[in-house]
């Protein structure tokens, strides 16, 4: 059986051992985690879209990794520091579906950090837009 492609790598310090470690996720392993979905418009697309994915806080909790600062890196090497969500926070999500379908690289996938932009003015800020990384490949904790 062919091994599933890794679509997301999370690097940081293991809370249990204080050693540097990595955690890897395939689309299947992300889908196995509790999912969130919402409809919203974005400044990069037209119309109302439905996103489905897993909360960033759930992914980080699943890894058991931590650090002082968190950086997200995209396939095009875009790299930005993002806010570490409170434990149990629903948003942002790491979306793996757009309108019920997997996202191709051309459609900003296969993973996209998204917020429910239409739900609150708090999600309509330049800092939030900067954290909305599409073609997400890795999350890295740094001290």
Foldseek 3Di string as FASTA:
>chain_A
DDDADWQEKEWAQAPVPRDIDIDTDGVVRFVVDDKDKDWADDPVDDDIKIFMTAAPLRVCVVVNGAADWKWWAAPVRLIDIDDNDDRPDRDFGFTCDINRHGADVVNLDNTWGDDRVVPDVVCVDPRNVSVGHGNTRYMYHYD
